[in-house]
């Protein structure tokens, strides 16, 4: 899934240091040559690799409406679970697809690998249709490297039946209330976990983003790495406390089989995640229909509405694609066609990056699985209160791998310190200018 708003106030930036990335990344064929090849062809066939639920159905919708431009969808593991390795291996072998799903976090690192094609000349007429920050996150050095698909506004998923059982009248509005509720549940039944502990960089990034700090920044042509910052340390201290007291699950997170098993047994009450988690709950935990609800993400101060974002992807054209014009057309269809957007929402839980898509009727309907709750109203509020401070760095794949390893062997604070240094070292190894804070 990850691992899989008007949000005009939120922004993810790729930073001015992407000029350095642009110098490292050059496309394998010129846009004019590729366009000429496409113009001479009577029909076009392309392959699209991705992992989001519903992409196969959207591809079928495209093919039905565009018989001369056939797209074949191939399901691959999510990028962090091997999907990006498959892409880069295919590029090396000269067998890469034309199109691929790439998360905003990973666009800079894919540029370093020379994996993405500049599609500015084809996409320039489409970029205004998407939220500004998603366009910025899909671009580098003033060039477009992907068409935004979705965002990941975060919220608290919670079990209404278990809240009633333990006498908790409402979902926690603050992290202080969250900790108090966790202590109350543990006192009543130590076998029940109130939530799930962060497991990797995606979890830590989403929680840190809410604090208004960022793991990366830029100064001139240099990257600045500040993973070990006050916001991350606040998150680390909070969750380490809950983890040490055994008030949260430490051996699974959505959608780990351990989480599913614990949920089915009534042994876990909440988890924090993004809008795209909705199909996972509904698909993996069918028997719990009517027992889950969605509330705003707890905040660090009473009365605050600050939320966060986790995930979100673009559709990129990979280096060497011979039909980039047609590839961009498909990408724009996937993100902006009303029927495609509806499929993305209903099947994949994709919260649209398309401005028009935010008015999709499905986002204002009650969901029977969640007791009829209009859950996307919660995500809409979340999306409108995401800090503008987050900067996407050039090595998120490395950050993810190192954080996962470090969390498994030490405390969150120790993991953060370790990943800080490893990230600085990794960026230096790429020949890019970097400072440690």
Protein backbone atom coordinates (compact mmCIF):
# COMPACT_ATOMS: atom_id res chain seq x y z
CA UNK A 1 0.00 0.00 0.00
CA UNK A 2 2.45 2.68 0.86
CA UNK A 3 5.06 0.64 2.27
CA UNK A 4 2.25 2.61 0.65
CA UNK A 5 -7.98 19.89 0.40
CA UNK A 6 -7.83 21.95 -0.74
CA UNK A 7 -4.34 21.99 0.45
CA UNK A 8 -3.27 25.20 -1.17
CA UNK A 9 -1.72 26.07 2.17
CA UNK A 10 0.52 22.99 2.22
CA UNK A 11 3.64 22.48 0.21
CA UNK A 12 6.35 19.90 -0.26
CA UNK A 13 9.46 21.35 -1.89
CA UNK A 14 12.32 19.61 -3.58
CA UNK A 15 14.69 22.48 -2.88
CA UNK A 16 17.13 24.49 -4.97
CA UNK A 17 19.84 21.90 -4.52
CA UNK A 18 18.11 19.85 -7.20
CA UNK A 19 20.20 21.82 -9.65
CA UNK A 20 22.93 19.39 -8.63
CA UNK A 21 20.58 16.49 -9.31
CA UNK A 22 19.76 17.85 -12.72
CA UNK A 23 23.43 17.86 -13.59
CA UNK A 24 23.63 14.18 -12.68
CA UNK A 25 20.42 13.14 -14.42
CA UNK A 26 20.09 13.33 -18.19
CA UNK A 27 17.42 11.64 -20.25
CA UNK A 28 18.25 8.76 -22.52
CA UNK A 29 16.59 10.16 -25.63
CA UNK A 30 15.51 13.63 -26.63
CA UNK A 31 11.86 14.59 -26.43
CA UNK A 32 11.85 15.65 -30.08
CA UNK A 33 13.22 12.30 -31.25
CA UNK A 34 10.72 10.38 -29.16
CA UNK A 35 7.85 12.51 -30.36
CA UNK A 36 8.92 11.92 -33.95
CA UNK A 37 8.94 8.18 -33.42
CA UNK A 38 5.46 8.34 -31.91
CA UNK A 39 4.12 10.43 -34.77
CA UNK A 40 5.23 7.82 -37.28
CA UNK A 41 3.60 4.96 -35.41
CA UNK A 42 0.05 3.92 -36.23
CA UNK A 43 -0.48 2.54 -32.74
CA UNK A 44 1.39 2.68 -29.48
CA UNK A 45 1.93 0.09 -26.78
CA UNK A 46 3.35 0.99 -23.37
CA UNK A 47 3.85 -0.68 -20.02
CA UNK A 48 3.00 0.87 -16.65
CA UNK A 49 4.43 -0.41 -13.36
CA UNK A 50 2.90 0.42 -10.00
CA UNK A 51 1.40 -0.94 -6.80
CA UNK A 52 -1.62 1.19 -5.89
CA UNK A 53 -4.93 -0.69 -5.77
CA UNK A 54 -7.16 0.24 -8.68
CA UNK A 55 -4.42 1.08 -11.18
CA UNK A 56 -5.29 -2.04 -13.17
CA UNK A 57 -8.89 -0.89 -13.46
CA UNK A 58 -7.91 2.65 -14.44
CA UNK A 59 -5.62 1.21 -17.11
CA UNK A 60 -8.56 -0.80 -18.45
CA UNK A 61 -10.67 2.38 -18.55
CA UNK A 62 -7.94 4.10 -20.56
CA UNK A 63 -7.60 1.22 -23.02
CA UNK A 64 -11.35 1.14 -23.64
CA UNK A 65 -11.30 4.82 -24.58
CA UNK A 66 -7.94 4.81 -26.44
CA UNK A 67 -7.68 1.71 -28.63
CA UNK A 68 -4.66 3.10 -30.51
CA UNK A 69 -2.61 3.68 -27.34
CA UNK A 70 -2.57 0.46 -25.37
CA UNK A 71 -1.17 0.45 -21.84
CA UNK A 72 -0.39 -2.79 -20.02
CA UNK A 73 -0.29 -2.56 -16.24
CA UNK A 74 2.15 -4.65 -14.21
CA UNK A 75 1.67 -4.93 -10.45
CA UNK A 76 4.98 -4.64 -8.59
CA UNK A 77 5.91 -4.37 -4.90
CA UNK A 78 5.77 -0.87 -3.46
CA UNK A 79 8.89 1.15 -4.16
CA UNK A 80 10.36 0.71 -0.68
CA UNK A 81 9.72 -3.05 -0.82
CA UNK A 82 11.61 -3.64 -4.04
CA UNK A 83 9.67 -1.79 -6.71
CA UNK A 84 12.34 0.83 -7.33
CA UNK A 85 15.02 -1.84 -7.55
CA UNK A 86 12.96 -3.55 -10.25
CA UNK A 87 12.69 -0.28 -12.15
CA UNK A 88 16.40 0.54 -12.02
CA UNK A 89 17.37 -3.04 -12.88
CA UNK A 90 15.06 -2.89 -15.88
CA UNK A 91 16.59 0.42 -16.94
CA UNK A 92 20.07 -1.08 -16.77
CA UNK A 93 18.90 -4.02 -18.87
CA UNK A 94 17.18 -1.76 -21.40
CA UNK A 95 13.80 -3.30 -20.59
CA UNK A 96 12.16 -0.61 -18.49
CA UNK A 97 8.49 0.32 -18.85
CA UNK A 98 7.49 3.74 -20.14
CA UNK A 99 5.48 4.61 -17.02
CA UNK A 100 5.93 4.03 -13.32
CA UNK A 101 4.43 5.01 -9.98
CA UNK A 102 6.95 7.03 -7.95
CA UNK A 103 6.24 8.57 -4.55
CA UNK A 104 7.01 12.25 -4.05
CA UNK A 105 9.65 11.31 -1.48
CA UNK A 106 11.51 9.23 -4.04
CA UNK A 107 11.51 11.48 -7.10
CA UNK A 108 14.85 13.13 -6.15
CA UNK A 109 16.55 9.77 -5.54
CA UNK A 110 15.22 8.41 -8.83
CA UNK A 111 16.67 11.49 -10.54
CA UNK A 112 20.05 10.71 -9.03
CA UNK A 113 19.75 7.28 -10.67
CA UNK A 114 18.96 8.93 -14.04
CA UNK A 115 15.66 7.04 -14.04
CA UNK A 116 13.15 9.79 -14.88
CA UNK A 117 12.48 11.67 -18.10
CA UNK A 118 11.86 15.40 -18.30
CA UNK A 119 8.24 15.71 -19.51
CA UNK A 120 7.91 19.47 -19.14
CA UNK A 121 7.08 20.07 -22.80
CA UNK A 122 4.17 17.62 -22.65
CA UNK A 123 2.93 18.36 -19.14
CA UNK A 124 3.05 22.16 -19.13
CA UNK A 125 -0.62 22.42 -20.04
CA UNK A 126 -1.67 20.05 -17.27
CA UNK A 127 0.27 21.15 -14.20
CA UNK A 128 -2.19 23.90 -13.26
CA UNK A 129 -4.85 21.24 -12.71
CA UNK A 130 -3.12 19.89 -9.59
CA UNK A 131 -2.38 21.20 -6.13
CA UNK A 132 0.66 23.46 -6.29
CA UNK A 133 2.68 21.56 -3.71
CA UNK A 134 2.22 18.24 -5.53
CA UNK A 135 3.48 19.82 -8.74
CA UNK A 136 6.51 21.15 -6.84
CA UNK A 137 7.09 17.71 -5.35
CA UNK A 138 6.96 16.15 -8.82
CA UNK A 139 9.41 18.66 -10.26
CA UNK A 140 13.07 19.57 -9.93
CA UNK A 141 15.11 22.45 -11.27
CA UNK A 142 12.05 23.91 -12.98
CA UNK A 143 11.39 20.69 -14.92
CA UNK A 144 8.47 18.29 -14.53
CA UNK A 145 9.24 14.64 -13.77
CA UNK A 146 5.79 13.30 -12.94
CA UNK A 147 2.05 13.95 -12.96
CA UNK A 148 0.68 14.12 -9.39
CA UNK A 149 -1.90 11.46 -8.51
CA UNK A 150 -2.73 11.66 -4.82
CA UNK A 151 -1.82 13.00 -1.40
CA UNK A 152 -1.77 11.34 2.01
CA UNK A 153 -3.56 13.51 4.61
CA UNK A 154 -3.32 11.73 7.95
CA UNK A 155 -5.91 10.89 10.60
CA UNK A 156 -6.57 8.61 13.57
CA UNK A 157 -8.35 5.34 12.83
CA UNK A 158 -10.03 3.99 15.97
CA UNK A 159 -12.33 1.18 17.15
CA UNK A 160 -15.64 2.60 18.35
CA UNK A 161 -16.65 -0.66 20.03
CA UNK A 162 -13.44 -0.90 22.03
CA UNK A 163 -13.58 2.78 23.01
CA UNK A 164 -17.03 2.11 24.46
CA UNK A 165 -15.81 -1.05 26.20
CA UNK A 166 -13.01 0.82 27.98
CA UNK A 167 -15.10 3.87 28.80
CA UNK A 168 -13.36 6.28 26.44
CA UNK A 169 -16.05 8.72 25.33
CA UNK A 170 -14.24 10.36 22.42
CA UNK A 171 -11.05 9.97 20.37
CA UNK A 172 -8.02 11.81 21.81
CA UNK A 173 -7.63 15.33 20.44
CA UNK A 174 -4.02 15.71 21.65
CA UNK A 175 -1.05 13.41 22.05
CA UNK A 176 -1.27 14.02 25.80
CA UNK A 177 -4.82 12.65 25.75
CA UNK A 178 -3.63 9.79 23.57
CA UNK A 179 -1.03 8.80 26.19
CA UNK A 180 -3.61 9.10 28.99
CA UNK A 181 -6.04 6.85 27.13
CA UNK A 182 -3.26 4.34 26.48
CA UNK A 183 -2.49 4.22 30.21
CA UNK A 184 -6.19 3.76 31.03
CA UNK A 185 -6.51 0.83 28.65
CA UNK A 186 -3.36 -0.82 29.94
CA UNK A 187 -4.59 -0.55 33.51
CA UNK A 188 -7.85 -2.23 32.53
CA UNK A 189 -6.37 -4.93 30.27
CA UNK A 190 -2.60 -5.12 29.68
CA UNK A 191 -3.16 -7.46 26.72
CA UNK A 192 -4.76 -4.67 24.67
CA UNK A 193 -2.54 -2.17 22.83
CA UNK A 194 -3.90 1.32 22.39
CA UNK A 195 -2.02 1.89 19.15
CA UNK A 196 0.91 0.90 16.97
CA UNK A 197 4.50 2.08 17.40
CA UNK A 198 6.36 3.67 14.45
CA UNK A 199 8.18 1.01 12.45
CA UNK A 200 10.09 2.87 9.75
CA UNK A 201 11.00 6.16 8.12
CA UNK A 202 7.54 6.64 6.63
CA UNK A 203 5.99 6.52 10.10
CA UNK A 204 8.63 8.78 11.62
CA UNK A 205 8.44 11.24 8.71
CA UNK A 206 4.66 11.57 8.91
CA UNK A 207 4.75 12.12 12.67
CA UNK A 208 7.66 14.58 12.43
CA UNK A 209 6.07 16.60 9.61
CA UNK A 210 3.26 17.55 12.01
CA UNK A 211 5.77 19.28 14.30
CA UNK A 212 6.59 21.85 11.61
CA UNK A 213 10.18 20.71 11.15
CA UNK A 214 11.80 19.04 8.14
CA UNK A 215 14.47 16.40 7.64
CA UNK A 216 16.00 18.21 4.68
CA UNK A 217 16.64 21.73 3.54
CA UNK A 218 18.78 23.58 1.05
CA UNK A 219 21.19 26.47 1.10
CA UNK A 220 22.47 27.52 -2.27
CA UNK A 221 23.67 24.39 -4.04
CA UNK A 222 24.04 22.44 -0.82
CA UNK A 223 21.69 19.97 0.87
CA UNK A 224 21.15 20.34 4.59
CA UNK A 225 20.30 17.22 6.60
CA UNK A 226 18.50 17.70 9.90
CA UNK A 227 16.78 14.39 10.55
CA UNK A 228 17.98 14.64 14.16
CA UNK A 229 15.99 17.82 14.87
CA UNK A 230 13.81 18.94 17.82
CA UNK A 231 10.61 17.77 16.10
CA UNK A 232 11.92 14.28 15.44
CA UNK A 233 13.28 14.08 18.98
CA UNK A 234 9.87 15.06 20.37
CA UNK A 235 8.25 12.27 18.35
CA UNK A 236 10.96 9.81 19.38
CA UNK A 237 10.60 10.58 23.09
CA UNK A 238 6.81 10.31 23.00
CA UNK A 239 6.62 6.98 21.23
CA UNK A 240 9.58 5.50 23.10
CA UNK A 241 7.69 6.15 26.32
CA UNK A 242 4.60 4.32 25.09
CA UNK A 243 6.72 1.52 23.67
CA UNK A 244 8.70 1.04 26.89
CA UNK A 245 5.46 0.84 28.87
CA UNK A 246 4.12 -1.75 26.39
CA UNK A 247 1.06 0.39 25.69
CA UNK A 248 1.41 0.12 21.91
CA UNK A 249 2.12 -2.73 19.50
CA UNK A 250 5.79 -3.12 18.71
CA UNK A 251 5.67 -6.07 16.34
CA UNK A 252 3.45 -4.89 13.58
CA UNK A 253 1.87 -1.95 11.85
CA UNK A 254 -0.83 -1.67 9.28
CA UNK A 255 -0.80 -3.80 7.24
CA UNK A 256 1.39 -6.35 8.89
CA UNK A 257 -0.24 -9.76 9.56
CA UNK A 258 0.44 -9.22 13.27
CA UNK A 259 -1.68 -6.08 13.17
CA UNK A 260 -4.51 -7.82 11.34
CA UNK A 261 -4.49 -10.71 13.83
CA UNK A 262 -4.46 -8.35 16.82
CA UNK A 263 -7.29 -6.27 15.33
CA UNK A 264 -9.45 -9.30 14.71
CA UNK A 265 -8.88 -10.39 18.32
CA UNK A 266 -9.81 -6.94 19.68
CA UNK A 267 -6.26 -6.35 20.91
CA UNK A 268 -5.43 -3.05 19.19
CA UNK A 269 -7.59 0.06 19.31
CA UNK A 270 -6.07 2.73 17.04
CA UNK A 271 -3.52 3.52 14.41
CA UNK A 272 -2.46 6.74 12.70
CA UNK A 273 -2.22 6.69 8.93
CA UNK A 274 -3.18 8.38 5.67
CA UNK A 275 -6.31 8.38 3.53
CA UNK A 276 -4.91 5.62 1.33
CA UNK A 277 -5.13 3.25 4.31
CA UNK A 278 -8.92 3.08 3.97
CA UNK A 279 -9.00 0.18 1.45
CA UNK A 280 -6.53 -1.74 3.61
CA UNK A 281 -8.85 -1.61 6.61
CA UNK A 282 -11.87 -2.54 4.54
CA UNK A 283 -10.11 -5.29 2.62
CA UNK A 284 -8.05 -6.92 5.36
CA UNK A 285 -10.55 -6.57 8.19
CA UNK A 286 -13.89 -7.25 6.52
CA UNK A 287 -15.40 -8.77 9.65
CA UNK A 288 -14.88 -5.53 11.57
CA UNK A 289 -17.23 -3.49 9.39
CA UNK A 290 -19.06 -0.90 11.44
CA UNK A 291 -16.49 -0.96 14.24
CA UNK A 292 -13.88 1.46 12.85
CA UNK A 293 -14.15 5.25 12.63
CA UNK A 294 -11.85 8.10 11.63
CA UNK A 295 -10.95 11.18 13.69
CA UNK A 296 -8.48 14.04 13.28
CA UNK A 297 -4.87 13.20 14.03
CA UNK A 298 -4.04 14.10 17.65
CA UNK A 299 -2.05 17.32 17.95
CA UNK A 300 0.68 18.59 20.26
CA UNK A 301 -1.44 21.41 21.70
CA UNK A 302 -5.11 21.69 22.62
CA UNK A 303 -7.12 23.56 20.01
CA UNK A 304 -4.50 23.09 17.34
CA UNK A 305 -5.55 21.66 13.97
CA UNK A 306 -2.10 20.92 12.57
CA UNK A 307 -2.02 17.58 10.78
CA UNK A 308 0.43 15.85 8.47
CA UNK A 309 0.90 14.05 5.18
CA UNK A 310 2.21 10.56 4.54
CA UNK A 311 2.85 9.36 1.03
CA UNK A 312 1.33 10.36 -2.24
CA UNK A 313 2.61 9.48 -5.68
CA UNK A 314 3.13 10.76 -9.18
CA UNK A 315 3.10 8.89 -12.47
CA UNK A 316 6.52 9.35 -14.05
CA UNK A 317 7.93 8.57 -17.49
CA UNK A 318 11.08 6.50 -17.24
CA UNK A 319 14.26 7.29 -19.11
CA UNK A 320 14.37 5.79 -22.59
CA UNK A 321 10.61 5.77 -23.20
CA UNK A 322 10.09 6.16 -26.95
CA UNK A 323 6.58 7.59 -26.63
CA UNK A 324 6.73 10.19 -23.83
CA UNK A 325 3.93 12.32 -25.29
CA UNK A 326 1.48 9.43 -25.17
CA UNK A 327 2.83 8.38 -21.78
CA UNK A 328 2.09 11.83 -20.35
CA UNK A 329 -1.41 11.67 -21.82
CA UNK A 330 -2.05 8.44 -19.93
CA UNK A 331 -0.61 9.90 -16.73
CA UNK A 332 -2.89 12.94 -17.05
CA UNK A 333 -5.88 10.63 -17.61
CA UNK A 334 -5.05 8.59 -14.51
CA UNK A 335 -4.87 11.71 -12.36
CA UNK A 336 -7.59 13.87 -13.86
CA UNK A 337 -10.27 11.88 -15.68
CA UNK A 338 -13.39 11.90 -13.47
CA UNK A 339 -14.02 8.16 -13.86
CA UNK A 340 -10.36 7.38 -13.19
CA UNK A 341 -10.40 9.58 -10.09
CA UNK A 342 -13.54 7.82 -8.87
CA UNK A 343 -11.87 4.44 -9.32
CA UNK A 344 -8.80 5.68 -7.49
CA UNK A 345 -10.91 6.82 -4.55
CA UNK A 346 -13.23 3.81 -4.34
CA UNK A 347 -10.68 1.07 -4.99
CA UNK A 348 -7.36 2.59 -3.93
CA UNK A 349 -8.36 5.16 -1.31
CA UNK A 350 -6.39 7.73 -3.31
CA UNK A 351 -7.10 11.24 -2.08
CA UNK A 352 -6.85 13.29 -5.30
CA UNK A 353 -4.08 15.73 -6.11
CA UNK A 354 -6.33 17.00 -8.89
CA UNK A 355 -8.12 20.22 -7.93
CA UNK A 356 -11.28 19.12 -9.75
CA UNK A 357 -10.99 15.69 -8.16
CA UNK A 358 -11.44 17.22 -4.71
CA UNK A 359 -15.07 17.86 -5.68
CA UNK A 360 -15.67 14.20 -6.57
CA UNK A 361 -19.04 13.11 -5.11
CA UNK A 362 -17.48 10.04 -3.51
CA UNK A 363 -15.61 12.29 -1.09
CA UNK A 364 -18.88 13.56 0.42
CA UNK A 365 -20.62 10.21 0.87
CA UNK A 366 -20.97 8.17 4.02
CA UNK A 367 -19.07 4.88 4.11
CA UNK A 368 -21.05 1.87 5.41
CA UNK A 369 -17.88 0.17 6.62
CA UNK A 370 -17.23 3.12 8.92
CA UNK A 371 -20.78 3.16 10.26
CA UNK A 372 -21.94 5.62 7.61
CA UNK A 373 -19.37 8.23 8.62
CA UNK A 374 -18.30 10.72 5.95
CA UNK A 375 -14.67 9.88 6.55
CA UNK A 376 -13.26 12.05 3.77
CA UNK A 377 -14.52 15.15 5.56
CA UNK A 378 -11.90 14.30 8.20
CA UNK A 379 -9.21 13.91 5.56
CA UNK A 380 -10.28 17.18 3.94
CA UNK A 381 -9.74 19.00 7.24
CA UNK A 382 -6.42 17.24 7.68
CA UNK A 383 -5.28 18.19 4.19
CA UNK A 384 -6.03 21.85 4.85
CA UNK A 385 -3.75 21.96 7.92
CA UNK A 386 -0.52 20.36 6.76
CA UNK A 387 2.60 22.45 7.53
CA UNK A 388 4.41 24.00 4.59
CA UNK A 389 7.83 23.18 5.99
CA UNK A 390 8.60 19.72 4.60
CA UNK A 391 11.40 19.45 2.04
CA UNK A 392 11.92 16.26 0.04
CA UNK A 393 15.49 14.99 0.18
CA UNK A 394 17.55 13.12 -2.44
CA UNK A 395 18.02 9.76 -0.68
CA UNK A 396 14.76 8.69 0.90
CA UNK A 397 15.25 5.05 -0.07
CA UNK A 398 18.45 5.00 1.97
CA UNK A 399 16.73 6.82 4.85
CA UNK A 400 13.93 4.26 4.86
CA UNK A 401 16.26 1.26 4.87
CA UNK A 402 18.49 2.71 7.58
CA UNK A 403 15.60 3.79 9.80
CA UNK A 404 13.92 0.39 9.59
CA UNK A 405 17.17 -1.35 10.54
CA UNK A 406 18.01 1.08 13.34
CA UNK A 407 14.53 1.01 14.90
CA UNK A 408 14.82 -2.75 15.09
CA UNK A 409 18.02 -2.62 17.12
CA UNK A 410 17.74 0.43 19.39
CA UNK A 411 15.63 3.30 20.63
CA UNK A 412 13.99 5.87 18.38
CA UNK A 413 16.49 8.47 19.56
CA UNK A 414 19.44 6.21 18.75
CA UNK A 415 17.93 5.37 15.36
CA UNK A 416 17.51 9.05 14.57
CA UNK A 417 21.13 9.86 15.38
CA UNK A 418 22.33 6.92 13.30
CA UNK A 419 20.22 7.81 10.28
CA UNK A 420 21.30 11.46 10.45
CA UNK A 421 24.96 10.54 9.97
CA UNK A 422 24.32 7.82 7.41
CA UNK A 423 22.25 10.21 5.33
CA UNK A 424 24.98 12.86 5.31
CA UNK A 425 27.48 10.18 4.28
CA UNK A 426 25.20 8.88 1.53
CA UNK A 427 24.63 12.30 -0.03
CA UNK A 428 28.37 12.96 0.03
CA UNK A 429 28.95 9.65 -1.74
CA UNK A 430 26.73 10.88 -4.59
CA UNK A 431 29.04 13.81 -5.17
CA UNK A 432 26.53 16.33 -3.85
CA UNK A 433 27.29 19.15 -1.44
CA UNK A 434 25.83 18.55 2.02
CA UNK A 435 25.96 19.84 5.59
CA UNK A 436 24.74 18.12 8.73
CA UNK A 437 22.18 20.63 9.83
